[in-house]
Amino acid sequence: MRPGRIPTDYIPGYEKAHAIDPDLADNYVAHTLIGDPVMDALVEELASLTQPEVHRFIQAGMEEDLKSLRDAPRLLRDFFADAPQPDPDWLDYDAFGPGVQAFQRNSVAVLSAFVTGVLIDGFATMISKSFVQTGRIFDNGVWRLRQNNRHQMEIFWPGGLERYGDGWKLSVRIRFVHAQIRRLMAETEEWDLGARGIPISSAHLGYAIACFAARTVKHSEMLGARYTAEERASFHDVWRYAGYLMGIPETILFTDESHALRIYRIGSLCEPPPTPEAIVMTNALINSAPLVAGITDTEERRKLVNNVIYPVSRGLIGNQLADNLKFPKSRLPFPLLLYRIDQRIQKLKARLRRESPKNFAALLEASAYSDTGLSYRLPDHVHAEESKPW
């Protein structure tokens, strides 16, 4: 895909990326001006409904309640029942098994890598501007991180990405939320389309899903996770289909690990240097991590952030990006080695106490669950503090 025009903030990086991989650089910047035409039109049609009505109709679609869908707007009926998005030719549910097993075996390393490395990679880009502008990381940052964990856990649950699974539903829910935020931001004068492209563009989502797959494997390996070749490929298959359900166009959706790493590399070059919003966002995520793990004591949180999380994050993302994000310098030598040694000691202690492994239990505790089930309410105001709870 060739860019018709290039948002001005991307021009310097695009020129560097184009010298390395012209086709992928062209494709990336072209997608900065593309959202999700199907879902963007759908949420526009839902705009006249109340938040409870939107929840009721989307829930009916998710649960395949055709009777309740009869009164839903036409595009919503089409999306879920009359003209649903077809499965891609490459979809193979059986291929997900090894990736699911690898995720559950390595869940603590994957979770740690996601918070300290993968999300930092993602929010170092221009996508941080839309999140900071809406305030959604600050109204309840811990809840957002737990929702990310919940999504991962559900897509890597056996059958989670089949039509009835919560991984499928959460992936599609994310697609609705992204489109709604694009719609709300389009109604304001705060977003500079000519400089930044579309908020939460398909370029950013294609970049993010590539990070969620390839960078998670890389970072988690540095924290002690292990994958066979079959598990690595399967891990990427899971994220690829989740990205498809999230509405990422196949023109920017990775096909395998090698392609995901290329998207990450070229996308990183195309993106402008970290903005003040990226600095605020990534540091907020780092400081929220102890709360996700249930650590509320102020002094204990401070020690964990300064002595473990920041050093591990710097070790994963590299000194250049860490410096650009204003992360503190690490006083610890070899923080990733120290982390791996600590994890092995914890496992040995558990064996000596004859305790069962707590990896998956730890992920459950750090995930957002509610006895009332999934909510399909959408934000109704661009600024989080003025939106009804969703």
Protein backbone atom coordinates (compact mmCIF):
# COMPACT_ATOMS: atom_id res chain seq x y z
CA MET A 1 0.00 0.00 0.00
CA ARG A 2 1.46 3.36 -1.07
CA PRO A 3 0.89 6.44 1.07
CA GLY A 4 -1.31 9.09 -0.49
CA ARG A 5 0.10 11.59 1.96
CA ILE A 6 2.18 11.32 5.10
CA PRO A 7 1.30 12.92 8.45
CA THR A 8 3.97 15.53 9.03
CA ASP A 9 5.18 14.10 12.35
CA TYR A 10 6.09 10.88 10.54
CA ILE A 11 8.09 12.32 7.66
CA PRO A 12 11.62 12.27 9.24
CA GLY A 13 11.25 8.69 10.50
CA TYR A 14 9.59 7.52 7.30
CA GLU A 15 12.56 8.69 5.26
CA LYS A 16 14.95 6.61 7.43
CA ALA A 17 12.68 3.56 7.31
CA HIS A 18 12.15 3.88 3.55
CA ALA A 19 15.89 3.60 2.98
CA ILE A 20 15.83 0.19 4.71
CA ASP A 21 12.51 -1.33 3.60
CA PRO A 22 10.61 0.89 1.15
CA ASP A 23 7.53 -1.34 0.81
CA LEU A 24 6.97 -1.82 4.52
CA ALA A 25 7.67 1.84 5.30
CA ASP A 26 5.14 2.92 2.65
CA ASN A 27 2.63 0.46 4.02
CA TYR A 28 3.09 1.60 7.62
CA VAL A 29 2.62 5.31 7.04
CA ALA A 30 -0.32 4.65 4.70
CA HIS A 31 -2.09 2.89 7.57
CA THR A 32 -1.63 5.90 9.88
CA LEU A 33 -4.59 7.36 7.95
CA ILE A 34 -6.75 4.22 8.16
CA GLY A 35 -8.96 3.25 11.08
CA ASP A 36 -11.51 0.43 10.88
CA PRO A 37 -14.10 1.40 8.25
CA VAL A 38 -16.57 -1.36 9.20
CA MET A 39 -16.53 -0.73 12.94
CA ASP A 40 -16.17 3.04 12.61
CA ALA A 41 -19.44 3.12 10.65
CA LEU A 42 -21.08 0.78 13.15
CA VAL A 43 -20.32 2.86 16.25
CA GLU A 44 -21.48 5.96 14.39
CA GLU A 45 -24.84 4.24 13.96
CA LEU A 46 -24.90 3.43 17.69
CA ALA A 47 -24.26 7.06 18.67
CA SER A 48 -27.95 7.88 19.13
CA LEU A 49 -28.49 5.05 21.63
CA THR A 50 -28.04 5.20 25.39
CA GLN A 51 -25.11 3.42 26.98
CA PRO A 52 -27.34 0.65 28.48
CA GLU A 53 -28.95 0.09 25.07
CA VAL A 54 -25.54 -0.24 23.42
CA HIS A 55 -24.50 -2.76 26.08
CA ARG A 56 -27.69 -4.77 25.60
CA PHE A 57 -27.43 -4.97 21.82
CA ILE A 58 -23.69 -5.76 21.74
CA GLN A 59 -24.20 -8.42 24.42
CA ALA A 60 -26.99 -9.95 22.35
CA GLY A 61 -24.63 -10.11 19.39
CA MET A 62 -21.80 -11.60 21.42
CA GLU A 63 -24.10 -14.27 22.83
CA GLU A 64 -25.75 -14.92 19.44
CA ASP A 65 -29.14 -13.98 20.86
CA LEU A 66 -30.86 -13.49 17.50
CA LYS A 67 -34.23 -12.65 19.08
CA SER A 68 -32.78 -9.69 21.01
CA LEU A 69 -30.85 -8.58 17.92
CA ARG A 70 -34.03 -8.02 15.93
CA ASP A 71 -34.40 -4.48 17.25
CA ALA A 72 -30.70 -3.63 16.95
CA PRO A 73 -29.41 -1.12 14.37
CA ARG A 74 -28.88 -2.64 10.93
CA LEU A 75 -25.06 -2.49 10.87
CA LEU A 76 -24.87 -4.22 14.25
CA ARG A 77 -27.19 -6.97 13.01
CA ASP A 78 -25.06 -7.32 9.89
CA PHE A 79 -21.86 -7.54 11.93
CA PHE A 80 -23.05 -10.33 14.20
CA ALA A 81 -25.72 -12.19 12.27
CA ASP A 82 -26.65 -11.24 8.71
CA ALA A 83 -23.21 -10.57 7.21
CA PRO A 84 -20.61 -11.53 9.84
CA GLN A 85 -16.88 -11.17 9.20
CA PRO A 86 -15.76 -14.48 7.66
CA ASP A 87 -12.99 -16.58 9.14
CA PRO A 88 -9.70 -15.99 7.29
CA ASP A 89 -8.40 -18.77 5.05
CA TRP A 90 -5.34 -19.19 7.25
CA LEU A 91 -7.27 -19.81 10.50
CA ASP A 92 -6.43 -23.16 12.14
CA TYR A 93 -7.73 -23.57 15.69
CA ASP A 94 -5.67 -26.74 16.15
CA ALA A 95 -2.49 -24.72 15.64
CA PHE A 96 -3.17 -22.75 18.84
CA GLY A 97 -2.51 -25.68 21.21
CA PRO A 98 1.29 -25.44 21.59
CA GLY A 99 1.11 -21.66 22.08
CA VAL A 100 -1.56 -22.05 24.76
CA GLN A 101 0.57 -24.58 26.60
CA ALA A 102 3.66 -22.37 26.35
CA PHE A 103 1.77 -19.35 27.66
CA GLN A 104 0.42 -21.21 30.67
CA ARG A 105 3.83 -22.73 31.46
CA ASN A 106 5.59 -19.35 31.16
CA SER A 107 2.77 -17.15 32.42
CA VAL A 108 4.73 -15.22 35.07
CA ALA A 109 7.59 -14.47 32.66
CA VAL A 110 5.09 -13.47 29.95
CA LEU A 111 3.17 -11.21 32.32
CA SER A 112 6.37 -9.61 33.61
CA ALA A 113 7.68 -9.11 30.07
CA PHE A 114 4.39 -7.60 28.95
CA VAL A 115 4.31 -4.96 31.68
CA THR A 116 8.03 -4.09 31.74
CA GLY A 117 8.83 -4.41 28.04
CA VAL A 118 6.04 -4.99 25.55
CA LEU A 119 3.68 -2.24 26.71
CA ILE A 120 6.64 0.13 26.94
CA ASP A 121 7.55 -0.68 23.31
CA GLY A 122 3.96 0.03 22.30
CA PHE A 123 3.32 3.21 24.26
CA ALA A 124 6.63 4.76 23.23
CA THR A 125 4.87 5.46 19.92
CA MET A 126 2.39 8.18 18.98
CA ILE A 127 -0.48 5.98 20.23
CA SER A 128 0.29 7.29 23.71
CA LYS A 129 -1.13 10.67 22.69
CA SER A 130 -4.65 9.31 22.29
CA PHE A 131 -4.52 7.49 25.64
CA VAL A 132 -3.15 10.47 27.55
CA GLN A 133 -5.57 12.84 25.83
CA THR A 134 -8.55 10.76 26.95
CA GLY A 135 -7.10 10.28 30.42
CA ARG A 136 -7.89 6.58 30.39
CA ILE A 137 -4.58 5.49 31.84
CA PHE A 138 -5.00 7.85 34.77
CA ASP A 139 -8.66 7.27 35.75
CA ASN A 140 -7.87 3.68 36.66
CA GLY A 141 -4.52 2.56 35.33
CA VAL A 142 -4.44 -0.58 37.43
CA TRP A 143 -7.79 -1.71 36.06
CA ARG A 144 -6.55 -1.15 32.50
CA LEU A 145 -3.43 -3.24 33.10
CA ARG A 146 -5.56 -5.99 34.61
CA GLN A 147 -7.82 -5.90 31.58
CA ASN A 148 -4.78 -6.38 29.35
CA ASN A 149 -3.82 -9.38 31.44
CA ARG A 150 -7.37 -10.72 31.28
CA HIS A 151 -7.39 -10.47 27.49
CA GLN A 152 -4.11 -12.39 27.25
CA MET A 153 -5.29 -15.07 29.63
CA GLU A 154 -8.53 -15.59 27.73
CA ILE A 155 -7.03 -15.80 24.25
CA PHE A 156 -4.49 -18.31 25.56
CA TRP A 157 -7.18 -20.44 27.19
CA PRO A 158 -8.11 -23.68 25.38
CA GLY A 159 -10.97 -22.75 23.06
CA GLY A 160 -10.73 -19.10 24.09
CA LEU A 161 -10.65 -17.82 20.50
CA GLU A 162 -13.51 -19.96 19.28
CA ARG A 163 -16.80 -18.16 18.72
CA TYR A 164 -18.16 -18.93 22.21
CA GLY A 165 -14.90 -18.14 24.05
CA ASP A 166 -14.21 -15.09 26.18
CA GLY A 167 -10.99 -14.50 24.24
CA TRP A 168 -13.09 -14.04 21.09
CA LYS A 169 -15.53 -11.74 22.87
CA LEU A 170 -12.85 -9.62 24.53
CA SER A 171 -10.98 -9.20 21.23
CA VAL A 172 -14.13 -8.01 19.48
CA ARG A 173 -14.99 -5.79 22.45
CA ILE A 174 -11.61 -4.08 22.08
CA ARG A 175 -12.50 -3.42 18.44
CA PHE A 176 -15.71 -1.65 19.52
CA VAL A 177 -13.88 0.43 22.14
CA HIS A 178 -11.14 1.56 19.74
CA ALA A 179 -13.71 2.63 17.15
CA GLN A 180 -15.73 4.51 19.76
CA ILE A 181 -12.65 6.40 20.97
CA ARG A 182 -11.81 7.32 17.36
CA ARG A 183 -15.35 8.63 16.92
CA LEU A 184 -15.25 10.68 20.12
CA MET A 185 -11.84 12.15 19.36
CA ALA A 186 -12.96 13.11 15.86
CA GLU A 187 -15.61 15.33 17.45
CA THR A 188 -13.00 17.41 19.26
CA GLU A 189 -10.49 19.94 17.94
CA GLU A 190 -7.70 18.52 20.09
CA TRP A 191 -6.39 15.97 17.59
CA ASP A 192 -4.18 17.17 14.72
CA LEU A 193 -4.99 14.76 11.89
CA GLY A 194 -2.54 16.33 9.47
CA ALA A 195 0.39 15.89 11.86
CA ARG A 196 -0.49 12.63 13.61
CA GLY A 197 -2.78 10.65 11.37
CA ILE A 198 -5.90 8.97 12.75
CA PRO A 199 -6.03 8.28 16.50
CA ILE A 200 -5.59 4.57 17.27
CA SER A 201 -4.85 4.00 13.59
CA SER A 202 -4.49 0.59 11.98
CA ALA A 203 -0.74 1.30 11.77
CA HIS A 204 -0.54 1.57 15.55
CA LEU A 205 -2.70 -1.50 16.06
CA GLY A 206 -0.66 -3.52 13.55
CA TYR A 207 2.50 -2.40 15.34
CA ALA A 208 1.01 -3.20 18.77
CA ILE A 209 -0.09 -6.72 17.84
CA ALA A 210 3.36 -7.40 16.36
CA CYS A 211 4.86 -6.34 19.71
CA PHE A 212 2.34 -8.44 21.66
CA ALA A 213 3.52 -11.51 19.76
CA ALA A 214 7.17 -11.20 18.78
CA ARG A 215 8.40 -8.85 21.49
CA THR A 216 6.61 -10.85 24.19
CA VAL A 217 8.44 -14.00 23.12
CA LYS A 218 11.78 -12.16 22.98
CA HIS A 219 11.36 -10.31 26.26
CA SER A 220 9.96 -13.29 28.16
CA GLU A 221 12.89 -15.44 27.00
CA MET A 222 15.21 -12.85 28.51
CA LEU A 223 13.29 -13.34 31.77
CA GLY A 224 13.65 -17.11 31.70
CA ALA A 225 10.80 -18.39 29.51
CA ARG A 226 11.49 -21.21 27.07
CA TYR A 227 9.71 -22.04 23.79
CA THR A 228 10.13 -24.75 21.20
CA ALA A 229 10.01 -23.75 17.54
CA GLU A 230 6.45 -25.12 17.34
CA GLU A 231 5.40 -23.14 20.43
CA ARG A 232 6.87 -19.90 19.07
CA ALA A 233 4.97 -20.28 15.80
CA SER A 234 1.77 -21.19 17.63
CA PHE A 235 2.12 -18.23 20.04
CA HIS A 236 2.20 -15.95 17.01
CA ASP A 237 -0.79 -17.75 15.46
CA VAL A 238 -2.86 -16.97 18.55
CA TRP A 239 -2.00 -13.27 18.50
CA ARG A 240 -2.48 -13.06 14.74
CA TYR A 241 -6.07 -14.26 14.97
CA ALA A 242 -6.74 -12.08 18.02
CA GLY A 243 -5.51 -9.12 15.94
CA TYR A 244 -7.81 -10.11 13.10
CA LEU A 245 -10.76 -10.14 15.52
CA MET A 246 -9.66 -6.72 16.79
CA GLY A 247 -10.21 -5.38 13.27
CA ILE A 248 -6.59 -4.96 12.18
CA PRO A 249 -6.53 -5.04 8.35
CA GLU A 250 -4.64 -7.98 6.93
CA THR A 251 -2.59 -5.47 4.95
CA ILE A 252 -0.83 -4.49 8.22
CA LEU A 253 -1.39 -7.69 10.25
CA PHE A 254 1.74 -9.83 10.62
CA THR A 255 1.85 -13.34 9.14
CA ASP A 256 4.61 -14.94 11.25
CA GLU A 257 7.35 -14.08 13.73
CA SER A 258 9.78 -12.80 11.09
CA HIS A 259 7.14 -10.50 9.63
CA ALA A 260 6.13 -9.28 13.11
CA LEU A 261 9.73 -8.34 13.89
CA ARG A 262 9.99 -6.45 10.58
CA ILE A 263 6.82 -4.48 11.35
CA TYR A 264 8.20 -3.67 14.79
CA ARG A 265 11.55 -2.51 13.38
CA ILE A 266 10.19 -0.40 10.53
CA GLY A 267 7.31 0.93 12.62
CA SER A 268 9.78 1.99 15.33
CA LEU A 269 11.78 3.90 12.72
CA CYS A 270 8.69 5.55 11.22
CA GLU A 271 7.41 6.70 14.61
CA PRO A 272 8.65 10.07 15.87
CA PRO A 273 10.82 10.11 19.01
CA PRO A 274 8.91 9.57 22.27
CA THR A 275 6.66 12.51 23.00
CA PRO A 276 5.98 13.97 26.48
CA GLU A 277 2.78 11.88 26.43
CA ALA A 278 4.81 8.72 25.82
CA ILE A 279 7.10 9.60 28.73
CA VAL A 280 4.15 10.18 31.05
CA MET A 281 2.32 7.06 29.87
CA THR A 282 5.21 4.60 30.14
CA ASN A 283 6.32 5.84 33.55
CA ALA A 284 2.73 5.66 34.78
CA LEU A 285 2.56 2.04 33.62
CA ILE A 286 5.78 1.16 35.43
CA ASN A 287 4.55 2.72 38.65
CA SER A 288 1.16 0.99 38.38
CA ALA A 289 2.70 -2.49 38.09
CA PRO A 290 3.07 -3.15 41.86
CA LEU A 291 -0.60 -2.32 42.42
CA VAL A 292 -1.55 -4.86 39.75
CA ALA A 293 0.41 -7.42 41.76
CA GLY A 294 -1.48 -6.41 44.91
CA ILE A 295 1.38 -4.50 46.56
CA THR A 296 -0.11 -1.42 48.22
CA ASP A 297 2.47 -0.47 50.87
CA THR A 298 4.08 2.78 49.68
CA GLU A 299 7.65 1.95 50.67
CA GLU A 300 7.43 -1.60 49.33
CA ARG A 301 6.05 -0.27 46.04
CA ARG A 302 8.84 2.30 45.76
CA LYS A 303 11.54 -0.30 46.32
CA LEU A 304 10.00 -2.69 43.81
CA VAL A 305 9.68 0.02 41.16
CA ASN A 306 13.18 1.45 41.61
CA ASN A 307 15.12 -1.72 42.38
CA VAL A 308 13.38 -4.24 40.14
CA ILE A 309 10.87 -2.95 37.62
CA TYR A 310 12.79 0.01 36.17
CA PRO A 311 16.08 -1.95 35.92
CA VAL A 312 14.36 -4.95 34.31
CA SER A 313 12.50 -2.67 31.89
CA ARG A 314 15.73 -0.90 30.91
CA GLY A 315 17.36 -4.27 30.37
CA LEU A 316 14.54 -5.35 28.04
CA ILE A 317 13.97 -2.22 25.95
CA GLY A 318 17.59 -1.01 25.82
CA ASN A 319 19.33 2.07 27.17
CA GLN A 320 18.53 4.36 24.25
CA LEU A 321 14.75 4.00 24.49
CA ALA A 322 14.89 3.97 28.31
CA ASP A 323 16.84 7.25 28.27
CA ASN A 324 14.37 8.79 25.80
CA LEU A 325 11.53 7.82 28.16
CA LYS A 326 13.38 9.38 31.12
CA PHE A 327 13.69 6.09 32.99
CA PRO A 328 16.16 6.33 35.88
CA LYS A 329 19.62 4.90 35.35
CA SER A 330 20.08 1.43 36.78
CA ARG A 331 22.60 0.97 39.59
CA LEU A 332 22.28 -2.82 39.42
CA PRO A 333 24.63 -4.83 37.20
CA PHE A 334 22.99 -7.47 35.06
CA PRO A 335 19.36 -6.88 36.22
CA LEU A 336 17.92 -9.55 33.92
CA LEU A 337 20.34 -12.17 35.24
CA LEU A 338 19.48 -11.20 38.81
CA TYR A 339 15.77 -11.47 37.99
CA ARG A 340 16.19 -14.96 36.51
CA ILE A 341 18.22 -16.11 39.52
CA ASP A 342 15.56 -14.77 41.88
CA GLN A 343 12.82 -16.60 39.98
CA ARG A 344 14.76 -19.87 40.19
CA ILE A 345 15.25 -19.39 43.93
CA GLN A 346 11.51 -18.79 44.37
CA LYS A 347 10.72 -21.99 42.43
CA LEU A 348 13.22 -23.98 44.51
CA LYS A 349 11.71 -22.67 47.74
CA ALA A 350 8.26 -23.65 46.53
CA ARG A 351 9.47 -27.19 45.76
CA LEU A 352 11.10 -27.50 49.18
CA ARG A 353 7.81 -26.42 50.77
CA ARG A 354 6.08 -28.90 48.47
CA GLU A 355 3.83 -26.18 47.12
CA SER A 356 2.21 -26.39 43.70
CA PRO A 357 3.38 -23.94 41.02
CA LYS A 358 1.71 -20.52 41.32
CA ASN A 359 2.41 -19.17 37.83
CA PHE A 360 -1.14 -19.32 36.52
CA ALA A 361 -2.63 -18.37 39.88
CA ALA A 362 -0.47 -15.23 39.85
CA LEU A 363 -1.83 -14.29 36.44
CA LEU A 364 -5.40 -14.85 37.63
CA GLU A 365 -4.83 -12.58 40.62
CA ALA A 366 -3.43 -9.84 38.37
CA SER A 367 -6.33 -9.98 35.89
CA ALA A 368 -9.60 -8.06 35.80
CA TYR A 369 -12.52 -10.31 36.65
CA SER A 370 -16.05 -9.39 37.64
CA ASP A 371 -18.85 -11.53 38.98
CA THR A 372 -21.26 -9.61 36.75
CA GLY A 373 -19.57 -10.81 33.55
CA LEU A 374 -18.18 -8.84 30.62
CA SER A 375 -19.35 -5.27 30.12
CA TYR A 376 -20.09 -4.08 26.60
CA ARG A 377 -20.77 -0.48 27.57
CA LEU A 378 -18.75 2.00 25.55
CA PRO A 379 -17.27 5.33 26.69
CA ASP A 380 -19.66 8.18 25.94
CA HIS A 381 -17.24 11.10 26.32
CA VAL A 382 -13.73 11.61 24.99
CA HIS A 383 -12.44 12.53 28.46
CA ALA A 384 -12.50 9.70 30.96
CA GLU A 385 -13.54 11.87 33.89
CA GLU A 386 -16.69 12.97 32.02
CA SER A 387 -17.64 9.54 30.68
CA LYS A 388 -20.11 7.26 32.42
CA PRO A 389 -18.48 4.09 33.81
CA TRP A 390 -17.90 1.47 31.12
